[in-house]
Amino acid sequence: MKHFFTFHDPTSRGIQGFDRGPYDRGKQFSSTIFTHSEKQKDVALKLIDLVNKLIKDDTIYYNWGKHSVKTKVFPAGEYFPSADGHQRYQEVYPHSDITHKIRFDWKTVEAELEE
């Protein structure tokens, strides 16, 4: 789950893309984690709290500035794969500016937290 917060900007609500516009907008672009157990839900909520603290302390930074995490946590339901045109998107469009890119290294963040 840490990887999710590393490559995805959880501070945007209902928007995708940053470097070029127009951005994709709508509920389907919400930041969401679907969990299969209470333990997964607890881990997700603890990570959201930690990421909010790291943003507030200027330890990590996302595209949309110093905003809090907008990620919602829900119980997983039936899975529906996306349309074919959205499968493996980053591989099909490797130069896309979609928000999925590595933003920070957890090892570095954890080292800073230990200091």
PDB file of N, CA and C in Angstrom:
ATOM      1  N   MET A   1       0.820  -1.184   0.000  1.00  0.00           N
ATOM      2  CA  MET A   1       0.000   0.000   0.000  1.00  0.00           C
ATOM      3  C   MET A   1       0.874   1.262   0.000  1.00  0.00           C
ATOM      4  N   LYS A   2       2.070   1.164   0.552  1.00  0.00           N
ATOM      5  CA  LYS A   2       2.973   2.315   0.520  1.00  0.00           C
ATOM      6  C   LYS A   2       3.240   2.737  -0.924  1.00  0.00           C
ATOM      7  N   HIS A   3       3.373   1.753  -1.808  1.00  0.00           N
ATOM      8  CA  HIS A   3       3.655   2.064  -3.216  1.00  0.00           C
ATOM      9  C   HIS A   3       2.565   2.955  -3.813  1.00  0.00           C
ATOM     10  N   PHE A   4       1.329   2.721  -3.433  1.00  0.00           N
ATOM     11  CA  PHE A   4       0.207   3.522  -3.921  1.00  0.00           C
ATOM     12  C   PHE A   4       0.468   5.011  -3.682  1.00  0.00           C
ATOM     13  N   PHE A   5       0.911   5.351  -2.483  1.00  0.00           N
ATOM     14  CA  PHE A   5       1.146   6.758  -2.154  1.00  0.00           C
ATOM     15  C   PHE A   5       2.436   7.289  -2.775  1.00  0.00           C
ATOM     16  N   THR A   6       3.297   6.399  -3.214  1.00  0.00           N
ATOM     17  CA  THR A   6       4.547   6.805  -3.852  1.00  0.00           C
ATOM     18  C   THR A   6       4.329   7.222  -5.304  1.00  0.00           C
ATOM     19  N   PHE A   7       3.474   6.496  -6.028  1.00  0.00           N
ATOM     20  CA  PHE A   7       3.320   6.775  -7.459  1.00  0.00           C
ATOM     21  C   PHE A   7       2.026   7.500  -7.823  1.00  0.00           C
ATOM     22  N   HIS A   8       1.158   7.706  -6.888  1.00  0.00           N
ATOM     23  CA  HIS A   8      -0.152   8.314  -7.140  1.00  0.00           C
ATOM     24  C   HIS A   8      -0.291   9.567  -6.279  1.00  0.00           C
ATOM     25  N   ASP A   9      -0.838  10.625  -6.841  1.00  0.00           N
ATOM     26  CA  ASP A   9      -1.065  11.852  -6.066  1.00  0.00           C
ATOM     27  C   ASP A   9      -2.420  11.765  -5.370  1.00  0.00           C
ATOM     28  N   PRO A  10      -2.428  11.506  -4.058  1.00  0.00           N
ATOM     29  CA  PRO A  10      -3.688  11.346  -3.340  1.00  0.00           C
ATOM     30  C   PRO A  10      -4.312  12.669  -2.903  1.00  0.00           C
ATOM     31  N   THR A  11      -3.691  13.797  -3.267  1.00  0.00           N
ATOM     32  CA  THR A  11      -4.196  15.091  -2.811  1.00  0.00           C
ATOM     33  C   THR A  11      -5.160  15.738  -3.797  1.00  0.00           C
ATOM     34  N   SER A  12      -5.343  15.127  -4.955  1.00  0.00           N
ATOM     35  CA  SER A  12      -6.271  15.688  -5.940  1.00  0.00           C
ATOM     36  C   SER A  12      -7.627  15.005  -5.805  1.00  0.00           C
ATOM     37  N   ARG A  13      -8.675  15.747  -6.012  1.00  0.00           N
ATOM     38  CA  ARG A  13     -10.025  15.196  -5.912  1.00  0.00           C
ATOM     39  C   ARG A  13     -10.706  15.302  -7.278  1.00  0.00           C
ATOM     40  N   GLY A  14     -11.008  14.142  -7.855  1.00  0.00           N
ATOM     41  CA  GLY A  14     -11.763  14.121  -9.108  1.00  0.00           C
ATOM     42  C   GLY A  14     -11.030  14.709 -10.285  1.00  0.00           C
ATOM     43  N   ILE A  15      -9.695  14.556 -10.311  1.00  0.00           N
ATOM     44  CA  ILE A  15      -8.916  15.084 -11.426  1.00  0.00           C
ATOM     45  C   ILE A  15      -7.717  14.174 -11.667  1.00  0.00           C
ATOM     46  N   GLN A  16      -7.318  14.083 -12.924  1.00  0.00           N
ATOM     47  CA  GLN A  16      -6.168  13.253 -13.290  1.00  0.00           C
ATOM     48  C   GLN A  16      -5.303  14.040 -14.254  1.00  0.00           C
ATOM     49  N   GLY A  17      -4.016  13.942 -14.099  1.00  0.00           N
ATOM     50  CA  GLY A  17      -3.100  14.669 -14.967  1.00  0.00           C
ATOM     51  C   GLY A  17      -2.665  15.951 -14.304  1.00  0.00           C
ATOM     52  N   PHE A  18      -1.458  16.430 -14.661  1.00  0.00           N
ATOM     53  CA  PHE A  18      -0.994  17.666 -14.032  1.00  0.00           C
ATOM     54  C   PHE A  18      -0.234  18.554 -14.998  1.00  0.00           C
ATOM     55  N   ASP A  19       0.737  18.004 -15.685  1.00  0.00           N
ATOM     56  CA  ASP A  19       1.655  18.823 -16.452  1.00  0.00           C
ATOM     57  C   ASP A  19       1.027  19.490 -17.667  1.00  0.00           C
ATOM     58  N   ARG A  20       0.058  18.847 -18.274  1.00  0.00           N
ATOM     59  CA  ARG A  20      -0.613  19.410 -19.442  1.00  0.00           C
ATOM     60  C   ARG A  20      -2.113  19.384 -19.221  1.00  0.00           C
ATOM     61  N   GLY A  21      -2.817  20.320 -19.761  1.00  0.00           N
ATOM     62  CA  GLY A  21      -4.265  20.313 -19.662  1.00  0.00           C
ATOM     63  C   GLY A  21      -4.855  20.024 -21.027  1.00  0.00           C
ATOM     64  N   PRO A  22      -6.141  19.916 -21.217  1.00  0.00           N
ATOM     65  CA  PRO A  22      -7.064  19.933 -20.089  1.00  0.00           C
ATOM     66  C   PRO A  22      -6.993  18.631 -19.301  1.00  0.00           C
ATOM     67  N   TYR A  23      -7.230  18.721 -18.040  1.00  0.00           N
ATOM     68  CA  TYR A  23      -7.163  17.552 -17.186  1.00  0.00           C
ATOM     69  C   TYR A  23      -8.440  16.733 -17.303  1.00  0.00           C
ATOM     70  N   ASP A  24      -8.302  15.434 -17.055  1.00  0.00           N
ATOM     71  CA  ASP A  24      -9.481  14.582 -16.974  1.00  0.00           C
ATOM     72  C   ASP A  24     -10.133  14.861 -15.629  1.00  0.00           C
ATOM     73  N   ARG A  25     -11.416  15.117 -15.640  1.00  0.00           N
ATOM     74  CA  ARG A  25     -12.130  15.446 -14.405  1.00  0.00           C
ATOM     75  C   ARG A  25     -13.356  14.556 -14.244  1.00  0.00           C
ATOM     76  N   GLY A  26     -13.738  14.316 -13.006  1.00  0.00           N
ATOM     77  CA  GLY A  26     -14.952  13.563 -12.729  1.00  0.00           C
ATOM     78  C   GLY A  26     -14.760  12.589 -11.589  1.00  0.00           C
ATOM     79  N   LYS A  27     -15.870  12.058 -11.081  1.00  0.00           N
ATOM     80  CA  LYS A  27     -15.826  11.120  -9.950  1.00  0.00           C
ATOM     81  C   LYS A  27     -14.990   9.889 -10.248  1.00  0.00           C
ATOM     82  N   GLN A  28     -14.933   9.485 -11.520  1.00  0.00           N
ATOM     83  CA  GLN A  28     -14.180   8.277 -11.870  1.00  0.00           C
ATOM     84  C   GLN A  28     -12.677   8.456 -11.670  1.00  0.00           C
ATOM     85  N   PHE A  29     -12.217   9.671 -11.414  1.00  0.00           N
ATOM     86  CA  PHE A  29     -10.797   9.924 -11.178  1.00  0.00           C
ATOM     87  C   PHE A  29     -10.493  10.139  -9.700  1.00  0.00           C
ATOM     88  N   SER A  30     -11.383   9.704  -8.846  1.00  0.00           N
ATOM     89  CA  SER A  30     -11.170   9.835  -7.412  1.00  0.00           C
ATOM     90  C   SER A  30     -10.076   8.897  -6.932  1.00  0.00           C
ATOM     91  N   SER A  31      -9.370   9.312  -5.898  1.00  0.00           N
ATOM     92  CA  SER A  31      -8.349   8.486  -5.261  1.00  0.00           C
ATOM     93  C   SER A  31      -9.038   7.583  -4.241  1.00  0.00           C
ATOM     94  N   THR A  32      -8.978   6.272  -4.483  1.00  0.00           N
ATOM     95  CA  THR A  32      -9.732   5.330  -3.663  1.00  0.00           C
ATOM     96  C   THR A  32      -8.922   4.079  -3.391  1.00  0.00           C
ATOM     97  N   ILE A  33      -9.044   3.567  -2.180  1.00  0.00           N
ATOM     98  CA  ILE A  33      -8.457   2.277  -1.810  1.00  0.00           C
ATOM     99  C   ILE A  33      -9.609   1.359  -1.424  1.00  0.00           C
ATOM    100  N   PHE A  34      -9.637   0.180  -2.035  1.00  0.00           N
ATOM    101  CA  PHE A  34     -10.652  -0.825  -1.706  1.00  0.00           C
ATOM    102  C   PHE A  34      -9.987  -1.916  -0.875  1.00  0.00           C
ATOM    103  N   THR A  35     -10.568  -2.225   0.271  1.00  0.00           N
ATOM    104  CA  THR A  35      -9.952  -3.183   1.190  1.00  0.00           C
ATOM    105  C   THR A  35     -10.785  -4.455   1.310  1.00  0.00           C
ATOM    106  N   HIS A  36     -10.100  -5.535   1.658  1.00  0.00           N
ATOM    107  CA  HIS A  36     -10.741  -6.842   1.812  1.00  0.00           C
ATOM    108  C   HIS A  36     -10.840  -7.282   3.270  1.00  0.00           C
ATOM    109  N   SER A  37     -10.328  -6.482   4.194  1.00  0.00           N
ATOM    110  CA  SER A  37     -10.373  -6.860   5.612  1.00  0.00           C
ATOM    111  C   SER A  37     -10.242  -5.612   6.479  1.00  0.00           C
ATOM    112  N   GLU A  38     -10.573  -5.773   7.745  1.00  0.00           N
ATOM    113  CA  GLU A  38     -10.406  -4.670   8.697  1.00  0.00           C
ATOM    114  C   GLU A  38      -8.933  -4.305   8.837  1.00  0.00           C
ATOM    115  N   LYS A  39      -8.059  -5.300   8.787  1.00  0.00           N
ATOM    116  CA  LYS A  39      -6.622  -5.036   8.901  1.00  0.00           C
ATOM    117  C   LYS A  39      -6.152  -4.157   7.746  1.00  0.00           C
ATOM    118  N   GLN A  40      -6.581  -4.462   6.517  1.00  0.00           N
ATOM    119  CA  GLN A  40      -6.214  -3.627   5.372  1.00  0.00           C
ATOM    120  C   GLN A  40      -6.760  -2.210   5.535  1.00  0.00           C
ATOM    121  N   LYS A  41      -7.994  -2.107   6.020  1.00  0.00           N
ATOM    122  CA  LYS A  41      -8.588  -0.788   6.252  1.00  0.00           C
ATOM    123  C   LYS A  41      -7.774  -0.014   7.273  1.00  0.00           C
ATOM    124  N   ASP A  42      -7.381  -0.657   8.375  1.00  0.00           N
ATOM    125  CA  ASP A  42      -6.577   0.003   9.415  1.00  0.00           C
ATOM    126  C   ASP A  42      -5.236   0.471   8.868  1.00  0.00           C
ATOM    127  N   VAL A  43      -4.588  -0.381   8.067  1.00  0.00           N
ATOM    128  CA  VAL A  43      -3.300  -0.007   7.464  1.00  0.00           C
ATOM    129  C   VAL A  43      -3.487   1.201   6.548  1.00  0.00           C
ATOM    130  N   ALA A  44      -4.519   1.180   5.722  1.00  0.00           N
ATOM    131  CA  ALA A  44      -4.784   2.291   4.809  1.00  0.00           C
ATOM    132  C   ALA A  44      -4.996   3.598   5.567  1.00  0.00           C
ATOM    133  N   LEU A  45      -5.807   3.551   6.604  1.00  0.00           N
ATOM    134  CA  LEU A  45      -6.094   4.762   7.373  1.00  0.00           C
ATOM    135  C   LEU A  45      -4.861   5.283   8.108  1.00  0.00           C
ATOM    136  N   LYS A  46      -4.030   4.370   8.628  1.00  0.00           N
ATOM    137  CA  LYS A  46      -2.783   4.786   9.279  1.00  0.00           C
ATOM    138  C   LYS A  46      -1.833   5.425   8.276  1.00  0.00           C
ATOM    139  N   LEU A  47      -1.750   4.849   7.066  1.00  0.00           N
ATOM    140  CA  LEU A  47      -0.883   5.433   6.042  1.00  0.00           C
ATOM    141  C   LEU A  47      -1.398   6.803   5.601  1.00  0.00           C
ATOM    142  N   ILE A  48      -2.703   6.954   5.495  1.00  0.00           N
ATOM    143  CA  ILE A  48      -3.261   8.266   5.147  1.00  0.00           C
ATOM    144  C   ILE A  48      -2.885   9.293   6.211  1.00  0.00           C
ATOM    145  N   ASP A  49      -2.997   8.932   7.473  1.00  0.00           N
ATOM    146  CA  ASP A  49      -2.590   9.839   8.559  1.00  0.00           C
ATOM    147  C   ASP A  49      -1.108  10.186   8.455  1.00  0.00           C
ATOM    148  N   LEU A  50      -0.279   9.177   8.184  1.00  0.00           N
ATOM    149  CA  LEU A  50       1.166   9.411   8.069  1.00  0.00           C
ATOM    150  C   LEU A  50       1.476  10.316   6.887  1.00  0.00           C
ATOM    151  N   VAL A  51       0.874  10.050   5.739  1.00  0.00           N
ATOM    152  CA  VAL A  51       1.134  10.876   4.555  1.00  0.00           C
ATOM    153  C   VAL A  51       0.675  12.312   4.804  1.00  0.00           C
ATOM    154  N   ASN A  52      -0.462  12.500   5.463  1.00  0.00           N
ATOM    155  CA  ASN A  52      -0.898  13.860   5.805  1.00  0.00           C
ATOM    156  C   ASN A  52       0.126  14.567   6.687  1.00  0.00           C
ATOM    157  N   LYS A  53       0.689  13.853   7.652  1.00  0.00           N
ATOM    158  CA  LYS A  53       1.714  14.427   8.523  1.00  0.00           C
ATOM    159  C   LYS A  53       2.963  14.796   7.710  1.00  0.00           C
ATOM    160  N   LEU A  54       3.371  13.903   6.806  1.00  0.00           N
ATOM    161  CA  LEU A  54       4.561  14.153   5.987  1.00  0.00           C
ATOM    162  C   LEU A  54       4.368  15.352   5.063  1.00  0.00           C
ATOM    163  N   ILE A  55       3.155  15.528   4.550  1.00  0.00           N
ATOM    164  CA  ILE A  55       2.857  16.701   3.721  1.00  0.00           C
ATOM    165  C   ILE A  55       2.929  17.960   4.579  1.00  0.00           C
ATOM    166  N   LYS A  56       2.287  17.921   5.732  1.00  0.00           N
ATOM    167  CA  LYS A  56       2.260  19.085   6.628  1.00  0.00           C
ATOM    168  C   LYS A  56       3.666  19.494   7.053  1.00  0.00           C
ATOM    169  N   ASP A  57       4.538  18.497   7.282  1.00  0.00           N
ATOM    170  CA  ASP A  57       5.913  18.758   7.717  1.00  0.00           C
ATOM    171  C   ASP A  57       6.864  19.055   6.563  1.00  0.00           C
ATOM    172  N   ASP A  58       6.342  19.143   5.336  1.00  0.00           N
ATOM    173  CA  ASP A  58       7.156  19.384   4.133  1.00  0.00           C
ATOM    174  C   ASP A  58       8.187  18.289   3.876  1.00  0.00           C
ATOM    175  N   THR A  59       7.908  17.070   4.323  1.00  0.00           N
ATOM    176  CA  THR A  59       8.806  15.948   4.067  1.00  0.00           C
ATOM    177  C   THR A  59       8.563  15.386   2.673  1.00  0.00           C
ATOM    178  N   ILE A  60       7.300  15.381   2.237  1.00  0.00           N
ATOM    179  CA  ILE A  60       6.965  14.975   0.878  1.00  0.00           C
ATOM    180  C   ILE A  60       6.083  16.043   0.251  1.00  0.00           C
ATOM    181  N   TYR A  61       6.046  16.039  -1.065  1.00  0.00           N
ATOM    182  CA  TYR A  61       5.308  17.054  -1.810  1.00  0.00           C
ATOM    183  C   TYR A  61       4.614  16.387  -2.995  1.00  0.00           C
ATOM    184  N   TYR A  62       3.374  16.773  -3.240  1.00  0.00           N
ATOM    185  CA  TYR A  62       2.640  16.289  -4.402  1.00  0.00           C
ATOM    186  C   TYR A  62       2.343  17.450  -5.333  1.00  0.00           C
ATOM    187  N   ASN A  63       1.874  17.146  -6.544  1.00  0.00           N
ATOM    188  CA  ASN A  63       1.616  18.156  -7.571  1.00  0.00           C
ATOM    189  C   ASN A  63       0.713  19.286  -7.116  1.00  0.00           C
ATOM    190  N   TRP A  64      -0.271  18.982  -6.306  1.00  0.00           N
ATOM    191  CA  TRP A  64      -1.280  19.977  -5.979  1.00  0.00           C
ATOM    192  C   TRP A  64      -0.920  20.785  -4.737  1.00  0.00           C
ATOM    193  N   GLY A  65       0.336  20.714  -4.316  1.00  0.00           N
ATOM    194  CA  GLY A  65       0.779  21.536  -3.201  1.00  0.00           C
ATOM    195  C   GLY A  65       0.509  20.904  -1.851  1.00  0.00           C
ATOM    196  N   LYS A  66       0.373  21.756  -0.873  1.00  0.00           N
ATOM    197  CA  LYS A  66       0.267  21.313   0.519  1.00  0.00           C
ATOM    198  C   LYS A  66      -1.196  21.063   0.897  1.00  0.00           C
ATOM    199  N   HIS A  67      -1.819  20.142   0.186  1.00  0.00           N
ATOM    200  CA  HIS A  67      -3.211  19.785   0.454  1.00  0.00           C
ATOM    201  C   HIS A  67      -3.248  18.435   1.155  1.00  0.00           C
ATOM    202  N   SER A  68      -4.295  18.190   1.886  1.00  0.00           N
ATOM    203  CA  SER A  68      -4.417  16.914   2.581  1.00  0.00           C
ATOM    204  C   SER A  68      -4.818  15.801   1.606  1.00  0.00           C
ATOM    205  N   VAL A  69      -4.619  14.579   2.043  1.00  0.00           N
ATOM    206  CA  VAL A  69      -4.963  13.398   1.254  1.00  0.00           C
ATOM    207  C   VAL A  69      -6.479  13.341   1.074  1.00  0.00           C
ATOM    208  N   LYS A  70      -6.910  13.130  -0.151  1.00  0.00           N
ATOM    209  CA  LYS A  70      -8.339  13.022  -0.473  1.00  0.00           C
ATOM    210  C   LYS A  70      -8.768  11.569  -0.662  1.00  0.00           C
ATOM    211  N   THR A  71      -7.852  10.637  -0.545  1.00  0.00           N
ATOM    212  CA  THR A  71      -8.129   9.219  -0.763  1.00  0.00           C
ATOM    213  C   THR A  71      -9.212   8.730   0.189  1.00  0.00           C
ATOM    214  N   LYS A  72     -10.183   8.035  -0.365  1.00  0.00           N
ATOM    215  CA  LYS A  72     -11.254   7.418   0.414  1.00  0.00           C
ATOM    216  C   LYS A  72     -10.998   5.919   0.513  1.00  0.00           C
ATOM    217  N   VAL A  73     -11.444   5.315   1.594  1.00  0.00           N
ATOM    218  CA  VAL A  73     -11.269   3.879   1.830  1.00  0.00           C
ATOM    219  C   VAL A  73     -12.645   3.227   1.906  1.00  0.00           C
ATOM    220  N   PHE A  74     -12.840   2.197   1.083  1.00  0.00           N
ATOM    221  CA  PHE A  74     -14.115   1.488   1.028  1.00  0.00           C
ATOM    222  C   PHE A  74     -13.876  -0.019   1.051  1.00  0.00           C
ATOM    223  N   PRO A  75     -14.864  -0.783   1.512  1.00  0.00           N
ATOM    224  CA  PRO A  75     -14.762  -2.239   1.393  1.00  0.00           C
ATOM    225  C   PRO A  75     -14.817  -2.619  -0.093  1.00  0.00           C
ATOM    226  N   ALA A  76     -14.015  -3.598  -0.483  1.00  0.00           N
ATOM    227  CA  ALA A  76     -14.011  -4.054  -1.871  1.00  0.00           C
ATOM    228  C   ALA A  76     -15.319  -4.759  -2.199  1.00  0.00           C
ATOM    229  N   GLY A  77     -15.801  -4.535  -3.382  1.00  0.00           N
ATOM    230  CA  GLY A  77     -16.997  -5.211  -3.872  1.00  0.00           C
ATOM    231  C   GLY A  77     -16.621  -6.020  -5.099  1.00  0.00           C
ATOM    232  N   GLU A  78     -17.576  -6.202  -5.966  1.00  0.00           N
ATOM    233  CA  GLU A  78     -17.302  -6.934  -7.203  1.00  0.00           C
ATOM    234  C   GLU A  78     -16.360  -6.116  -8.073  1.00  0.00           C
ATOM    235  N   TYR A  79     -15.394  -6.775  -8.689  1.00  0.00           N
ATOM    236  CA  TYR A  79     -14.389  -6.107  -9.513  1.00  0.00           C
ATOM    237  C   TYR A  79     -14.836  -6.068 -10.965  1.00  0.00           C
ATOM    238  N   PHE A  80     -14.719  -4.903 -11.579  1.00  0.00           N
ATOM    239  CA  PHE A  80     -15.021  -4.739 -12.994  1.00  0.00           C
ATOM    240  C   PHE A  80     -13.792  -4.137 -13.669  1.00  0.00           C
ATOM    241  N   PRO A  81     -13.152  -4.867 -14.578  1.00  0.00           N
ATOM    242  CA  PRO A  81     -11.975  -4.307 -15.257  1.00  0.00           C
ATOM    243  C   PRO A  81     -12.361  -3.110 -16.125  1.00  0.00           C
ATOM    244  N   SER A  82     -11.401  -2.225 -16.323  1.00  0.00           N
ATOM    245  CA  SER A  82     -11.662  -1.053 -17.158  1.00  0.00           C
ATOM    246  C   SER A  82     -11.731  -1.478 -18.633  1.00  0.00           C
ATOM    247  N   ALA A  83     -12.193  -0.567 -19.456  1.00  0.00           N
ATOM    248  CA  ALA A  83     -12.292  -0.812 -20.897  1.00  0.00           C
ATOM    249  C   ALA A  83     -10.905  -1.093 -21.472  1.00  0.00           C
ATOM    250  N   ASP A  84     -10.872  -1.805 -22.571  1.00  0.00           N
ATOM    251  CA  ASP A  84      -9.598  -2.202 -23.195  1.00  0.00           C
ATOM    252  C   ASP A  84      -8.658  -1.020 -23.427  1.00  0.00           C
ATOM    253  N   GLY A  85      -9.207   0.116 -23.803  1.00  0.00           N
ATOM    254  CA  GLY A  85      -8.378   1.286 -24.076  1.00  0.00           C
ATOM    255  C   GLY A  85      -7.674   1.854 -22.859  1.00  0.00           C
ATOM    256  N   HIS A  86      -8.068   1.399 -21.667  1.00  0.00           N
ATOM    257  CA  HIS A  86      -7.453   1.887 -20.432  1.00  0.00           C
ATOM    258  C   HIS A  86      -6.544   0.848 -19.779  1.00  0.00           C
ATOM    259  N   GLN A  87      -6.462  -0.332 -20.336  1.00  0.00           N
ATOM    260  CA  GLN A  87      -5.593  -1.369 -19.788  1.00  0.00           C
ATOM    261  C   GLN A  87      -4.136  -1.052 -20.111  1.00  0.00           C
ATOM    262  N   ARG A  88      -3.250  -1.227 -19.143  1.00  0.00           N
ATOM    263  CA  ARG A  88      -1.802  -1.055 -19.331  1.00  0.00           C
ATOM    264  C   ARG A  88      -1.485   0.317 -19.962  1.00  0.00           C
ATOM    265  N   TYR A  89      -2.184   1.330 -19.497  1.00  0.00           N
ATOM    266  CA  TYR A  89      -2.124   2.672 -20.080  1.00  0.00           C
ATOM    267  C   TYR A  89      -0.702   3.223 -20.133  1.00  0.00           C
ATOM    268  N   GLN A  90       0.036   3.096 -19.028  1.00  0.00           N
ATOM    269  CA  GLN A  90       1.395   3.656 -18.992  1.00  0.00           C
ATOM    270  C   GLN A  90       2.324   2.951 -19.973  1.00  0.00           C
ATOM    271  N   GLU A  91       2.086   1.674 -20.256  1.00  0.00           N
ATOM    272  CA  GLU A  91       2.899   0.964 -21.241  1.00  0.00           C
ATOM    273  C   GLU A  91       2.533   1.386 -22.656  1.00  0.00           C
ATOM    274  N   VAL A  92       1.258   1.594 -22.909  1.00  0.00           N
ATOM    275  CA  VAL A  92       0.797   1.997 -24.237  1.00  0.00           C
ATOM    276  C   VAL A  92       1.191   3.443 -24.531  1.00  0.00           C
ATOM    277  N   TYR A  93       1.127   4.293 -23.506  1.00  0.00           N
ATOM    278  CA  TYR A  93       1.467   5.715 -23.643  1.00  0.00           C
ATOM    279  C   TYR A  93       2.587   6.063 -22.655  1.00  0.00           C
ATOM    280  N   PRO A  94       3.819   5.626 -22.936  1.00  0.00           N
ATOM    281  CA  PRO A  94       4.914   5.791 -21.959  1.00  0.00           C
ATOM    282  C   PRO A  94       5.291   7.243 -21.667  1.00  0.00           C
ATOM    283  N   HIS A  95       4.963   8.165 -22.547  1.00  0.00           N
ATOM    284  CA  HIS A  95       5.331   9.568 -22.322  1.00  0.00           C
ATOM    285  C   HIS A  95       4.165  10.384 -21.792  1.00  0.00           C
ATOM    286  N   SER A  96       3.140   9.693 -21.358  1.00  0.00           N
ATOM    287  CA  SER A  96       1.970  10.361 -20.805  1.00  0.00           C
ATOM    288  C   SER A  96       2.344  11.066 -19.506  1.00  0.00           C
ATOM    289  N   ASP A  97       1.692  12.172 -19.232  1.00  0.00           N
ATOM    290  CA  ASP A  97       1.953  12.906 -17.985  1.00  0.00           C
ATOM    291  C   ASP A  97       0.926  12.569 -16.913  1.00  0.00           C
ATOM    292  N   ILE A  98       0.253  11.442 -17.049  1.00  0.00           N
ATOM    293  CA  ILE A  98      -0.700  11.012 -16.041  1.00  0.00           C
ATOM    294  C   ILE A  98       0.011  11.026 -14.689  1.00  0.00           C
ATOM    295  N   THR A  99      -0.722  11.182 -13.639  1.00  0.00           N
ATOM    296  CA  THR A  99      -0.144  11.409 -12.319  1.00  0.00           C
ATOM    297  C   THR A  99       0.658  10.239 -11.762  1.00  0.00           C
ATOM    298  N   HIS A 100       0.700   9.116 -12.427  1.00  0.00           N
ATOM    299  CA  HIS A 100       1.412   7.960 -11.884  1.00  0.00           C
ATOM    300  C   HIS A 100       2.899   8.031 -12.212  1.00  0.00           C
ATOM    301  N   LYS A 101       3.673   8.470 -11.253  1.00  0.00           N
ATOM    302  CA  LYS A 101       5.132   8.521 -11.353  1.00  0.00           C
ATOM    303  C   LYS A 101       5.690   8.500  -9.941  1.00  0.00           C
ATOM    304  N   ILE A 102       6.884   8.002  -9.787  1.00  0.00           N
ATOM    305  CA  ILE A 102       7.492   7.905  -8.451  1.00  0.00           C
ATOM    306  C   ILE A 102       7.772   9.314  -7.938  1.00  0.00           C
ATOM    307  N   ARG A 103       7.277   9.611  -6.743  1.00  0.00           N
ATOM    308  CA  ARG A 103       7.411  10.944  -6.170  1.00  0.00           C
ATOM    309  C   ARG A 103       8.415  11.030  -5.021  1.00  0.00           C
ATOM    310  N   PHE A 104       8.583   9.943  -4.310  1.00  0.00           N
ATOM    311  CA  PHE A 104       9.536   9.935  -3.204  1.00  0.00           C
ATOM    312  C   PHE A 104       9.877   8.491  -2.876  1.00  0.00           C
ATOM    313  N   ASP A 105      10.915   8.321  -2.068  1.00  0.00           N
ATOM    314  CA  ASP A 105      11.395   6.996  -1.672  1.00  0.00           C
ATOM    315  C   ASP A 105      11.065   6.790  -0.193  1.00  0.00           C
ATOM    316  N   TRP A 106      10.284   5.762   0.092  1.00  0.00           N
ATOM    317  CA  TRP A 106       9.901   5.500   1.488  1.00  0.00           C
ATOM    318  C   TRP A 106      11.113   5.271   2.376  1.00  0.00           C
ATOM    319  N   LYS A 107      12.176   4.667   1.844  1.00  0.00           N
ATOM    320  CA  LYS A 107      13.372   4.422   2.665  1.00  0.00           C
ATOM    321  C   LYS A 107      13.951   5.740   3.166  1.00  0.00           C
ATOM    322  N   THR A 108      13.978   6.731   2.288  1.00  0.00           N
ATOM    323  CA  THR A 108      14.482   8.051   2.680  1.00  0.00           C
ATOM    324  C   THR A 108      13.560   8.688   3.710  1.00  0.00           C
ATOM    325  N   VAL A 109      12.262   8.600   3.489  1.00  0.00           N
ATOM    326  CA  VAL A 109      11.279   9.176   4.414  1.00  0.00           C
ATOM    327  C   VAL A 109      11.397   8.498   5.782  1.00  0.00           C
ATOM    328  N   GLU A 110      11.477   7.169   5.784  1.00  0.00           N
ATOM    329  CA  GLU A 110      11.568   6.446   7.055  1.00  0.00           C
ATOM    330  C   GLU A 110      12.862   6.770   7.785  1.00  0.00           C
ATOM    331  N   ALA A 111      13.947   6.968   7.053  1.00  0.00           N
ATOM    332  CA  ALA A 111      15.212   7.359   7.675  1.00  0.00           C
ATOM    333  C   ALA A 111      15.076   8.725   8.339  1.00  0.00           C
ATOM    334  N   GLU A 112      14.403   9.657   7.658  1.00  0.00           N
ATOM    335  CA  GLU A 112      14.180  10.979   8.237  1.00  0.00           C
ATOM    336  C   GLU A 112      13.310  10.904   9.498  1.00  0.00           C
ATOM    337  N   LEU A 113      12.324  10.018   9.474  1.00  0.00           N
ATOM    338  CA  LEU A 113      11.433   9.886  10.634  1.00  0.00           C
ATOM    339  C   LEU A 113      12.163   9.338  11.852  1.00  0.00           C
ATOM    340  N   GLU A 114      13.187   8.519  11.617  1.00  0.00           N
ATOM    341  CA  GLU A 114      13.948   7.931  12.719  1.00  0.00           C
ATOM    342  C   GLU A 114      14.887   8.925  13.377  1.00  0.00           C
ATOM    343  N   GLU A 115      15.225   9.993  12.664  1.00  0.00           N
ATOM    344  CA  GLU A 115      16.186  10.983  13.208  1.00  0.00           C
ATOM    345  C   GLU A 115      15.585  11.776  14.338  1.00  0.00           C
TER     346      GLU A 115
END
